[in-house]
């Protein structure tokens, strides 16, 4: 059953200005949470550099680590292990794991959305994508181009929350928690 051990939560980089509030909502949940950081402004600088796909892939993943370190300034621990915490919230710095197993194509079609989906699949956990607006997996402007393909090959429950809408994150976490019962 989804969410039995916890939930993987991707916090979009566009939420850098509200990340503290989002993390507070996550911490109030009874569900163990492994946060996958987006890339945000850190990944935007990689896009502007116009690197080849391979170099851009690794630089973008490095930008996820940078955003993860920023998120940790709100008092949450970081981890470099792909594991759900026993309790509370931890933030994954994904670069070492992804360099070791390299499971996804090297392309801008793959972003932190697909990386979070892959992580949820590896952990047999639910996935909550926290974005800057409402939407779902069919919205091609909300998730990366590889996401639907990967989702079709995995048995992962995916939910979306708007990190700018009051209560959206808590409502989705409550729905995930209900699947644990």
Protein backbone atom coordinates (compact mmCIF):
# COMPACT_ATOMS: atom_id res chain seq x y z
CA UNK A 1 0.00 0.00 0.00
CA UNK A 2 1.27 3.47 -0.86
CA UNK A 3 2.64 5.65 1.86
CA UNK A 4 3.08 2.83 4.36
CA UNK A 5 6.59 3.91 5.34
CA UNK A 6 6.35 7.55 4.32
CA UNK A 7 6.09 9.85 1.35
CA UNK A 8 8.53 11.32 -1.13
CA UNK A 9 7.87 15.05 -1.57
CA UNK A 10 9.38 17.16 -4.31
CA UNK A 11 9.48 20.87 -3.48
CA UNK A 12 9.67 22.93 -6.65
CA UNK A 13 12.50 25.39 -6.97
CA UNK A 14 9.99 28.10 -7.87
CA UNK A 15 8.85 27.96 -4.23
CA UNK A 16 12.15 29.27 -2.87
CA UNK A 17 10.32 32.26 -1.37
CA UNK A 18 7.74 30.12 0.47
CA UNK A 19 9.85 27.01 1.14
CA UNK A 20 10.00 27.61 4.89
CA UNK A 21 6.21 27.52 5.19
CA UNK A 22 5.97 24.43 2.99
CA UNK A 23 8.55 22.63 5.11
CA UNK A 24 6.68 23.62 8.27
CA UNK A 25 3.51 22.02 6.88
CA UNK A 26 5.47 18.88 6.02
CA UNK A 27 6.94 18.75 9.54
CA UNK A 28 3.46 18.95 11.08
CA UNK A 29 2.47 15.72 9.33
CA UNK A 30 2.71 12.38 11.10
CA UNK A 31 4.12 10.84 7.92
CA UNK A 32 7.89 10.47 7.48
CA UNK A 33 8.90 12.72 4.55
CA UNK A 34 11.88 12.50 2.21
CA UNK A 35 12.17 15.81 0.36
CA UNK A 36 13.54 15.88 -3.16
CA UNK A 37 14.61 19.46 -3.93
CA UNK A 38 13.87 21.05 -7.27
CA UNK A 39 16.50 23.06 -9.09
CA UNK A 40 14.93 26.51 -9.26
CA UNK A 41 17.21 29.47 -9.85
CA UNK A 42 20.20 27.15 -9.54
CA UNK A 43 19.00 25.05 -12.51
CA UNK A 44 18.00 28.17 -14.44
CA UNK A 45 21.65 29.19 -14.57
CA UNK A 46 22.48 25.77 -16.06
CA UNK A 47 19.79 26.23 -18.73
CA UNK A 48 21.27 29.60 -19.66
CA UNK A 49 24.74 28.06 -20.08
CA UNK A 50 23.56 25.99 -23.08
CA UNK A 51 25.69 22.96 -22.19
CA UNK A 52 25.50 19.60 -23.94
CA UNK A 53 22.91 17.20 -22.51
CA UNK A 54 25.36 15.20 -20.41
CA UNK A 55 27.02 18.22 -18.79
CA UNK A 56 23.66 19.95 -18.30
CA UNK A 57 22.21 16.83 -16.65
CA UNK A 58 24.92 16.66 -14.01
CA UNK A 59 25.02 20.42 -13.44
CA UNK A 60 21.23 20.45 -12.98
CA UNK A 61 21.47 17.62 -10.45
CA UNK A 62 24.19 19.57 -8.67
CA UNK A 63 21.74 22.49 -8.56
CA UNK A 64 19.26 20.22 -6.76
CA UNK A 65 21.91 19.67 -4.10
CA UNK A 66 22.35 23.44 -3.79
CA UNK A 67 18.59 23.96 -3.36
CA UNK A 68 18.56 21.08 -0.86
CA UNK A 69 21.25 22.82 1.18
CA UNK A 70 19.15 26.00 1.10
CA UNK A 71 16.10 24.04 2.32
CA UNK A 72 18.18 22.63 5.18
CA UNK A 73 18.68 26.16 6.53
CA UNK A 74 15.12 25.89 7.87
CA UNK A 75 16.37 23.34 10.39
CA UNK A 76 15.93 20.05 8.55
CA UNK A 77 18.66 17.42 8.15
CA UNK A 78 20.10 16.42 4.80
CA UNK A 79 20.85 12.88 3.69
CA UNK A 80 22.68 11.36 0.78
CA UNK A 81 20.94 7.99 1.21
CA UNK A 82 17.85 7.01 -0.69
CA UNK A 83 15.76 6.06 2.33
CA UNK A 84 12.67 7.37 4.01
CA UNK A 85 13.33 8.78 7.48
CA UNK A 86 11.94 6.85 10.44
CA UNK A 87 10.16 10.06 11.47
CA UNK A 88 10.03 13.72 10.54
CA UNK A 89 11.46 15.36 7.45
CA UNK A 90 14.82 14.87 5.78
CA UNK A 91 16.14 16.43 2.58
CA UNK A 92 17.84 14.28 -0.02
CA UNK A 93 20.95 15.58 -1.75
CA UNK A 94 20.60 13.32 -4.81
CA UNK A 95 23.87 13.82 -6.69
CA UNK A 96 25.91 10.92 -5.21
CA UNK A 97 23.06 8.44 -5.58
CA UNK A 98 22.35 9.45 -9.17
CA UNK A 99 26.03 9.35 -10.14
CA UNK A 100 26.27 5.86 -8.68
CA UNK A 101 23.20 4.33 -10.37
CA UNK A 102 22.42 6.85 -13.20
CA UNK A 103 18.89 5.53 -13.90
CA UNK A 104 17.48 8.31 -16.11
CA UNK A 105 18.19 9.80 -19.53
CA UNK A 106 20.48 12.83 -19.71
CA UNK A 107 18.17 15.41 -21.22
CA UNK A 108 16.13 18.47 -20.27
CA UNK A 109 13.13 16.14 -20.70
CA UNK A 110 14.16 14.81 -17.27
CA UNK A 111 14.00 17.22 -14.34
CA UNK A 112 13.66 16.90 -10.59
CA UNK A 113 10.03 15.81 -11.18
CA UNK A 114 11.13 12.57 -12.84
CA UNK A 115 13.95 12.15 -10.33
CA UNK A 116 11.41 12.39 -7.50
CA UNK A 117 9.13 9.89 -9.27
CA UNK A 118 12.05 7.50 -9.71
CA UNK A 119 12.94 7.87 -6.02
CA UNK A 120 9.35 7.17 -4.96
CA UNK A 121 9.35 4.07 -7.16
CA UNK A 122 12.60 2.84 -5.63
CA UNK A 123 11.17 3.33 -2.13
CA UNK A 124 7.67 1.98 -2.91
CA UNK A 125 6.32 5.27 -1.57
CA UNK A 126 3.72 7.78 -2.65
CA UNK A 127 4.89 10.97 -4.36
CA UNK A 128 3.66 14.47 -3.61
CA UNK A 129 4.80 17.12 -6.09
CA UNK A 130 4.56 20.59 -4.59
CA UNK A 131 4.38 23.19 -7.34
CA UNK A 132 3.60 26.91 -7.67
CA UNK A 133 0.14 26.26 -9.09
CA UNK A 134 -2.62 23.68 -9.39
CA UNK A 135 -2.44 20.89 -11.92
CA UNK A 136 -1.84 17.21 -12.48
CA UNK A 137 0.41 14.81 -14.38
CA UNK A 138 -1.42 15.41 -17.66
CA UNK A 139 -0.36 19.08 -17.61
CA UNK A 140 2.68 19.18 -19.89
CA UNK A 141 3.68 22.57 -18.51
CA UNK A 142 3.61 21.31 -14.92
CA UNK A 143 5.77 18.16 -15.17
CA UNK A 144 8.72 17.36 -17.39
CA UNK A 145 8.33 15.54 -20.70
CA UNK A 146 9.73 12.25 -19.37
CA UNK A 147 7.43 12.11 -16.34
CA UNK A 148 4.37 10.51 -18.06
CA UNK A 149 6.56 7.83 -19.66
CA UNK A 150 8.21 6.99 -16.34
CA UNK A 151 4.93 7.10 -14.45
CA UNK A 152 3.45 4.55 -16.88
CA UNK A 153 6.25 2.11 -15.98
CA UNK A 154 6.00 2.54 -12.19
CA UNK A 155 3.35 1.71 -9.62
CA UNK A 156 3.50 5.03 -7.76
CA UNK A 157 0.60 7.07 -6.44
CA UNK A 158 1.19 10.72 -7.45
CA UNK A 159 -0.49 13.75 -5.90
CA UNK A 160 -0.01 17.46 -6.53
CA UNK A 161 -0.20 20.40 -4.16
CA UNK A 162 0.01 24.11 -4.78
CA UNK A 163 2.70 25.42 -2.43
CA UNK A 164 1.26 28.93 -2.75
CA UNK A 165 -2.31 27.99 -1.77
CA UNK A 166 -3.01 27.88 1.94
CA UNK A 167 -3.78 24.35 3.14
CA UNK A 168 -3.07 22.60 -0.19
CA UNK A 169 -0.01 20.76 1.12
CA UNK A 170 -1.75 19.72 4.36
CA UNK A 171 -4.81 18.45 2.46
CA UNK A 172 -2.67 16.28 0.19
CA UNK A 173 -0.63 14.95 3.11
CA UNK A 174 -3.86 14.03 4.90
CA UNK A 175 -4.95 12.13 1.79
CA UNK A 176 -1.62 10.26 1.74
CA UNK A 177 -1.93 9.52 5.44
CA UNK A 178 -5.43 8.12 4.90
CA UNK A 179 -3.93 5.52 2.53
CA UNK A 180 -1.75 4.27 5.40
CA UNK A 181 -4.78 3.10 7.38
